[in-house]
Protein backbone atom coordinates (compact mmCIF):
# COMPACT_ATOMS: atom_id res chain seq x y z
CA MET A 1 -6.43 21.35 8.40
CA LYS A 2 -5.19 20.37 11.76
CA TRP A 3 -1.95 18.81 12.71
CA HIS A 4 -1.06 16.51 15.75
CA LYS A 5 2.36 16.88 17.12
CA GLU A 6 3.03 13.10 16.13
CA SER A 7 0.83 10.90 14.31
CA GLU A 8 -1.70 8.07 15.65
CA TYR A 9 -1.00 4.75 14.25
CA TRP A 10 -4.07 2.91 13.27
CA ASP A 11 -3.83 -1.03 12.24
CA LEU A 12 -6.27 -3.34 9.80
CA ILE A 13 -7.75 -5.82 12.60
CA GLU A 14 -9.10 -7.90 9.24
CA ASN A 15 -7.74 -8.26 5.70
CA PRO A 16 -10.20 -5.49 3.43
CA ARG A 17 -12.24 -8.09 1.06
CA GLY A 18 -14.74 -6.89 -1.78
CA GLU A 19 -16.01 -3.79 -1.68
CA ILE A 20 -14.05 -3.03 1.63
CA TYR A 21 -10.71 -3.80 -0.41
CA LYS A 22 -11.85 -1.45 -3.44
CA ASN A 23 -12.72 1.45 -0.97
CA LEU A 24 -9.63 1.06 0.88
CA VAL A 25 -7.80 1.44 -2.34
CA LYS A 26 -10.23 4.59 -3.65
CA VAL A 27 -9.34 6.31 -0.56
CA LEU A 28 -5.55 5.42 -0.83
CA CYS A 29 -5.12 6.42 -4.43
CA HIS A 30 -7.21 9.53 -4.31
CA HIS A 31 -4.96 11.11 -1.35
CA SER A 32 -1.62 9.64 -1.86
CA ASP A 33 0.96 11.46 -4.92
CA LYS A 34 2.16 7.81 -4.97
CA PHE A 35 2.93 4.31 -3.97
CA TYR A 36 4.90 1.53 -4.11
CA PHE A 37 5.17 -2.57 -4.45
CA ILE A 38 8.11 -4.34 -4.51
CA THR A 39 9.10 -7.77 -5.37
CA ARG A 40 12.22 -10.07 -4.62
CA LYS A 41 14.51 -11.50 -6.47
CA GLU A 42 13.99 -14.89 -4.61
CA LEU A 43 10.39 -15.19 -5.21
CA LYS A 44 8.56 -15.23 -8.74
CA TYR A 45 5.71 -12.73 -9.84
CA ASN A 46 3.00 -12.44 -12.87
CA GLN A 47 5.47 -10.28 -14.88
CA ASP A 48 2.06 -9.52 -17.19
CA ILE A 49 0.60 -7.85 -14.05
CA ILE A 50 4.14 -5.87 -13.58
CA THR A 51 3.73 -4.96 -17.10
CA GLN A 52 0.42 -3.13 -16.66
CA PHE A 53 1.69 -1.00 -13.96
CA ALA A 54 4.64 -0.07 -16.58
CA PRO A 55 3.19 3.05 -17.94
CA TYR A 56 2.58 4.60 -14.66
CA CYS A 57 6.25 3.89 -13.06
CA ILE A 58 8.32 6.71 -11.98
CA GLU A 59 11.20 5.26 -10.71
CA THR A 60 11.93 1.55 -9.58
CA TYR A 61 15.29 0.93 -7.42
CA LYS A 62 17.19 -1.89 -5.61
CA THR A 63 16.83 -1.83 -1.27
CA LYS A 64 17.30 -3.72 1.13
CA LYS A 65 15.18 -1.54 3.17
CA TRP A 66 11.67 -0.39 2.88
CA ALA A 67 8.45 0.60 5.10
CA GLY A 68 8.35 -2.25 7.68
CA THR A 69 10.82 -3.85 6.68
CA GLU A 70 14.42 -4.65 6.41
CA THR A 71 15.81 -8.19 4.22
CA LYS A 72 19.20 -9.84 4.85
CA GLY A 73 18.50 -11.70 1.68
CA PRO A 74 19.19 -9.91 -1.91
CA ALA A 75 18.02 -6.51 -2.20
CA ALA A 76 14.11 -6.12 -3.26
CA THR A 77 13.35 -3.93 -6.65
CA VAL A 78 10.83 -1.13 -5.30
CA TYR A 79 8.11 0.22 -8.15
CA ILE A 80 7.54 3.29 -7.38
CA MET A 81 4.18 4.32 -9.24
CA GLU A 82 1.96 7.65 -10.06
CA SER A 83 -0.80 7.09 -8.19
CA ASN A 84 -4.07 8.31 -9.94
CA GLU A 85 -7.66 6.51 -11.21
CA ALA A 86 -5.48 4.40 -14.24
CA THR A 87 -3.50 2.67 -11.33
CA TYR A 88 -6.67 2.50 -9.01
CA ASP A 89 -8.21 0.42 -11.76
CA LEU A 90 -5.31 -1.91 -11.65
CA LEU A 91 -5.33 -2.44 -8.01
CA VAL A 92 -8.72 -3.86 -7.66
CA GLN A 93 -8.96 -5.69 -10.99
CA ASN A 94 -5.87 -7.76 -10.25
CA ALA A 95 -6.76 -8.19 -6.80
CA SER A 96 -10.19 -8.59 -4.56
CA SER A 97 -8.18 -8.44 -0.85
CA LEU A 98 -5.45 -6.60 0.19
CA TYR A 99 -3.20 -9.39 1.16
CA ASP A 100 -3.91 -10.86 -2.23
CA TRP A 101 -0.21 -8.45 -3.36
CA VAL A 102 1.40 -11.50 -2.80
CA ALA A 103 3.80 -13.93 -4.68
CA PRO A 104 3.54 -16.03 -6.43
CA GLU A 105 0.91 -14.16 -8.34
CA LEU A 106 1.47 -10.84 -7.86
CA PRO A 107 3.71 -8.12 -6.06
CA GLU A 108 4.13 -7.42 -2.57
CA ASP A 109 3.90 -4.93 0.73
CA LEU A 110 1.69 -1.88 -0.88
CA THR A 111 3.07 1.42 0.26
CA PHE A 112 1.27 4.66 -0.15
CA ILE A 113 2.72 8.46 0.18
CA LYS A 114 1.26 11.64 0.14
CA ASN A 115 4.06 14.87 0.15
CA ASN A 116 6.91 12.38 0.37
CA PHE A 117 4.91 10.99 3.97
CA THR A 118 4.65 7.40 3.87
CA TRP A 119 0.74 7.18 5.27
CA PHE A 120 -0.14 3.37 4.55
CA THR A 121 2.03 0.54 4.64
CA CYS A 122 1.72 -3.51 4.49
CA THR A 123 3.51 -5.96 4.75
CA SER A 124 1.73 -8.67 2.48
CA HIS A 125 2.97 -11.83 3.18
CA GLU A 126 2.75 -11.36 7.17
CA GLU A 127 -1.15 -9.87 7.00
CA TYR A 128 0.07 -6.43 8.34
CA ALA A 129 -0.83 -3.13 7.35
CA SER A 130 -1.18 0.47 8.91
CA PHE A 131 -1.93 4.03 8.54
CA SER A 132 0.36 6.68 9.97
CA ILE A 133 -2.08 9.52 10.34
CA ARG A 134 -1.15 13.57 11.02
CA SER A 135 -3.90 14.97 10.99
CA ASN A 136 -7.62 15.01 11.28
CA TYR A 137 -8.61 14.96 7.65
CA TYR A 138 -7.05 11.88 7.10
CA LYS A 139 -8.46 10.27 10.32
CA LYS A 140 -11.98 10.94 9.29
CA LEU A 141 -11.08 9.79 5.85
CA ILE A 142 -9.90 6.25 6.77
CA LEU A 143 -12.63 5.74 10.06
CA LYS A 144 -15.52 6.63 7.05
CA ILE A 145 -14.38 3.91 5.09
CA ASN A 146 -17.30 1.54 5.42
CA GLY A 147 -16.35 -2.18 7.06
CA LEU A 148 -12.88 -1.38 7.33
CA LYS A 149 -11.68 -3.00 10.62
CA LEU A 150 -9.21 -1.24 12.55
CA GLU A 151 -7.63 -0.32 15.95
CA ARG A 152 -5.75 2.91 17.96
CA GLY A 153 -1.81 1.47 17.66
CA GLU A 154 1.10 2.45 19.69
């Protein structure tokens, strides 16, 4: 595998919906060890959906800082999940687009991790998501997602 000295950044320029969303989540789940989403104390969420993920929860913790976000308000709860076929199914059953992952229905800020490297981050309420790519293998993976609208970031 050829590695870059630095990461390349690729920003999503359109909310992936329908089949594009499913294909994106499939790539993310199949090429990540874990992912997380967050909830914030001051917002309401559908607890039934969070409960569906409970069997796959590795860890939860509270923080004021997570990928792409730092809050001055109350700490958020981070739910770290196994990335597998079952969690893929839950991610696509409960949303039809990436930015559906926002209060009051769903937890927020899906973030995917491989080998303790955060390679996909999303700030749902701002409708912003990006990849941090360190290898040609992962670059090819994301560029092959049919219909995914990307641009090279800074």
